[in-house]
C-alpha atoms as a PDB file:
ATOM      1  CA  MET A   1      -9.540 127.624 -51.758  1.00  0.00           C
ATOM      2  CA  THR A   2      -6.242 129.382 -52.266  1.00  0.00           C
ATOM      3  CA  THR A   3      -3.496 129.703 -49.629  1.00  0.00           C
ATOM      4  CA  ARG A   4      -2.254 133.013 -49.466  1.00  0.00           C
ATOM      5  CA  MET A   5       1.556 133.237 -49.754  1.00  0.00           C
ATOM      6  CA  GLU A   6       3.602 135.664 -48.437  1.00  0.00           C
ATOM      7  CA  LYS A   7       7.070 136.649 -50.143  1.00  0.00           C
ATOM      8  CA  VAL A   8       9.951 136.248 -48.200  1.00  0.00           C
ATOM      9  CA  SER A   9      13.781 136.783 -49.418  1.00  0.00           C
ATOM     10  CA  VAL A  10      16.118 134.295 -48.408  1.00  0.00           C
ATOM     11  CA  SER A  11      19.952 134.634 -49.171  1.00  0.00           C
ATOM     12  CA  LEU A  12      21.482 131.043 -49.710  1.00  0.00           C
ATOM     13  CA  THR A  13      25.072 129.785 -50.254  1.00  0.00           C
ATOM     14  CA  PRO A  14      26.222 128.787 -53.500  1.00  0.00           C
ATOM     15  CA  ASP A  15      26.187 125.091 -52.351  1.00  0.00           C
ATOM     16  CA  LEU A  16      22.357 125.304 -50.971  1.00  0.00           C
ATOM     17  CA  SER A  17      21.389 127.126 -54.134  1.00  0.00           C
ATOM     18  CA  GLN A  18      22.895 124.348 -56.340  1.00  0.00           C
ATOM     19  CA  ARG A  19      21.299 121.831 -54.206  1.00  0.00           C
ATOM     20  CA  ILE A  20      18.020 123.124 -54.398  1.00  0.00           C
ATOM     21  CA  ALA A  21      18.447 123.343 -58.667  1.00  0.00           C
ATOM     22  CA  ALA A  22      19.421 119.404 -58.247  1.00  0.00           C
ATOM     23  CA  LYS A  23      16.107 118.773 -56.640  1.00  0.00           C
ATOM     24  CA  LEU A  24      14.391 120.740 -59.151  1.00  0.00           C
ATOM     25  CA  GLU A  25      16.340 119.071 -62.093  1.00  0.00           C
ATOM     26  CA  THR A  26      15.037 115.546 -60.731  1.00  0.00           C
ATOM     27  CA  GLY A  27      11.327 116.950 -60.906  1.00  0.00           C
ATOM     28  CA  GLY A  28      10.725 116.255 -57.580  1.00  0.00           C
ATOM     29  CA  TYR A  29       9.421 119.799 -57.117  1.00  0.00           C
ATOM     30  CA  ALA A  30       7.757 122.662 -59.238  1.00  0.00           C
ATOM     31  CA  SER A  31      10.035 125.411 -57.995  1.00  0.00           C
ATOM     32  CA  ALA A  32      12.512 126.392 -55.272  1.00  0.00           C
ATOM     33  CA  SER A  33       9.730 127.800 -53.446  1.00  0.00           C
ATOM     34  CA  GLU A  34       7.927 124.493 -53.227  1.00  0.00           C
ATOM     35  CA  TYR A  35      11.247 122.945 -52.259  1.00  0.00           C
ATOM     36  CA  VAL A  36      12.049 125.384 -49.168  1.00  0.00           C
ATOM     37  CA  ARG A  37       8.334 125.136 -48.044  1.00  0.00           C
ATOM     38  CA  ALA A  38       8.666 121.204 -47.769  1.00  0.00           C
ATOM     39  CA  ALA A  39      12.076 121.660 -46.373  1.00  0.00           C
ATOM     40  CA  LEU A  40      10.800 124.377 -43.663  1.00  0.00           C
ATOM     41  CA  ARG A  41       7.664 122.125 -42.776  1.00  0.00           C
ATOM     42  CA  ASP A  42       9.900 118.968 -41.985  1.00  0.00           C
ATOM     43  CA  ARG A  43      11.957 121.126 -39.909  1.00  0.00           C
ATOM     44  CA  LEU A  44       9.338 122.752 -38.003  1.00  0.00           C
ATOM     45  CA  ALA A  45       7.866 119.329 -37.487  1.00  0.00           C
ATOM     46  CA  TYR A  46      11.357 117.954 -36.040  1.00  0.00           C
ATOM     47  CA  ASP A  47      11.599 121.024 -33.959  1.00  0.00           C
ATOM     48  CA  GLU A  48       8.413 120.121 -32.558  1.00  0.00           C
ATOM     49  CA  GLU A  49       9.295 116.399 -31.934  1.00  0.00           C
ATOM     50  CA  MET A  50      12.521 117.806 -30.257  1.00  0.00           C
ATOM     51  CA  ASP A  51      10.651 119.943 -28.114  1.00  0.00           C
ATOM     52  CA  VAL A  52       8.500 116.955 -26.852  1.00  0.00           C
ATOM     53  CA  MET A  53      11.536 115.039 -26.501  1.00  0.00           C
ATOM     54  CA  ARG A  54      13.397 117.553 -24.471  1.00  0.00           C
ATOM     55  CA  ALA A  55      10.330 118.019 -22.179  1.00  0.00           C
ATOM     56  CA  ARG A  56      10.060 114.326 -21.542  1.00  0.00           C
ATOM     57  CA  TYR A  57      13.764 114.096 -20.352  1.00  0.00           C
ATOM     58  CA  ARG A  58      13.362 116.936 -18.406  1.00  0.00           C
ATOM     59  CA  THR A  59      10.689 115.458 -16.458  1.00  0.00           C
ATOM     60  CA  ALA A  60      12.512 111.949 -16.205  1.00  0.00           C
ATOM     61  CA  GLN A  61      15.619 113.875 -14.800  1.00  0.00           C
ATOM     62  CA  ALA A  62      13.162 115.301 -12.163  1.00  0.00           C
ATOM     63  CA  ASP A  63      11.358 111.503 -11.256  1.00  0.00           C
ATOM     64  CA  HIS A  64      14.842 110.054 -11.022  1.00  0.00           C
ATOM     65  CA  ALA A  65      16.263 112.952  -8.753  1.00  0.00           C
ATOM     66  CA  ASN A  66      12.706 112.140  -6.570  1.00  0.00           C
ATOM     67  CA  GLY A  67      13.435 108.858  -6.388  1.00  0.00           C
ATOM     68  CA  ARG A  68      10.738 107.839  -8.916  1.00  0.00           C
ATOM     69  CA  THR A  69      12.049 104.842 -11.127  1.00  0.00           C
ATOM     70  CA  LEU A  70      10.622 102.423 -13.289  1.00  0.00           C
ATOM     71  CA  SER A  71      11.780  98.863 -13.587  1.00  0.00           C
ATOM     72  CA  HIS A  72      13.231  97.391 -16.860  1.00  0.00           C
ATOM     73  CA  ASP A  73       9.852  95.546 -17.232  1.00  0.00           C
ATOM     74  CA  GLU A  74       7.950  98.890 -17.176  1.00  0.00           C
ATOM     75  CA  VAL A  75      10.365 101.025 -19.295  1.00  0.00           C
ATOM     76  CA  PHE A  76       9.944  98.058 -22.069  1.00  0.00           C
ATOM     77  CA  ALA A  77       6.357  97.731 -21.799  1.00  0.00           C
ATOM     78  CA  GLU A  78       5.944 101.847 -22.331  1.00  0.00           C
ATOM     79  CA  LEU A  79       8.210 101.446 -25.207  1.00  0.00           C
ATOM     80  CA  ARG A  80       6.281  98.754 -26.579  1.00  0.00           C
ATOM     81  CA  ALA A  81       3.062 100.782 -26.307  1.00  0.00           C
ATOM     82  CA  GLU A  82       4.790 103.893 -27.750  1.00  0.00           C
ATOM     83  CA  ALA A  83       5.883 101.742 -31.037  1.00  0.00           C
ATOM     84  CA  GLN A  84       2.424 100.420 -31.410  1.00  0.00           C
ATOM     85  CA  ARG A  85       0.850 103.781 -31.386  1.00  0.00           C
ATOM     86  CA  LEU A  86       3.212 105.315 -33.717  1.00  0.00           C
ATOM     87  CA  GLN A  87       2.584 102.245 -36.245  1.00  0.00           C
ATOM     88  CA  GLN A  88      -1.103 102.986 -36.576  1.00  0.00           C
END
């Protein structure tokens, strides 16, 4: 199955253009388009992760304002569980 691609024109500074060219020279990417797509996917994933973190922070702020808090033991238990989940 072939993925349909849309052509988009992007203007880059000379520095960014040179950095992409350097990546292509190392053989890690077949084309500038491939590199830019990979960079964009990484940035979108990062943005999504940051959105989740911001939402958690807002929830924590609201919980604190309403007197809902966790003990140190509860916090570390949640952190350990999250770390374990991420390792799977």
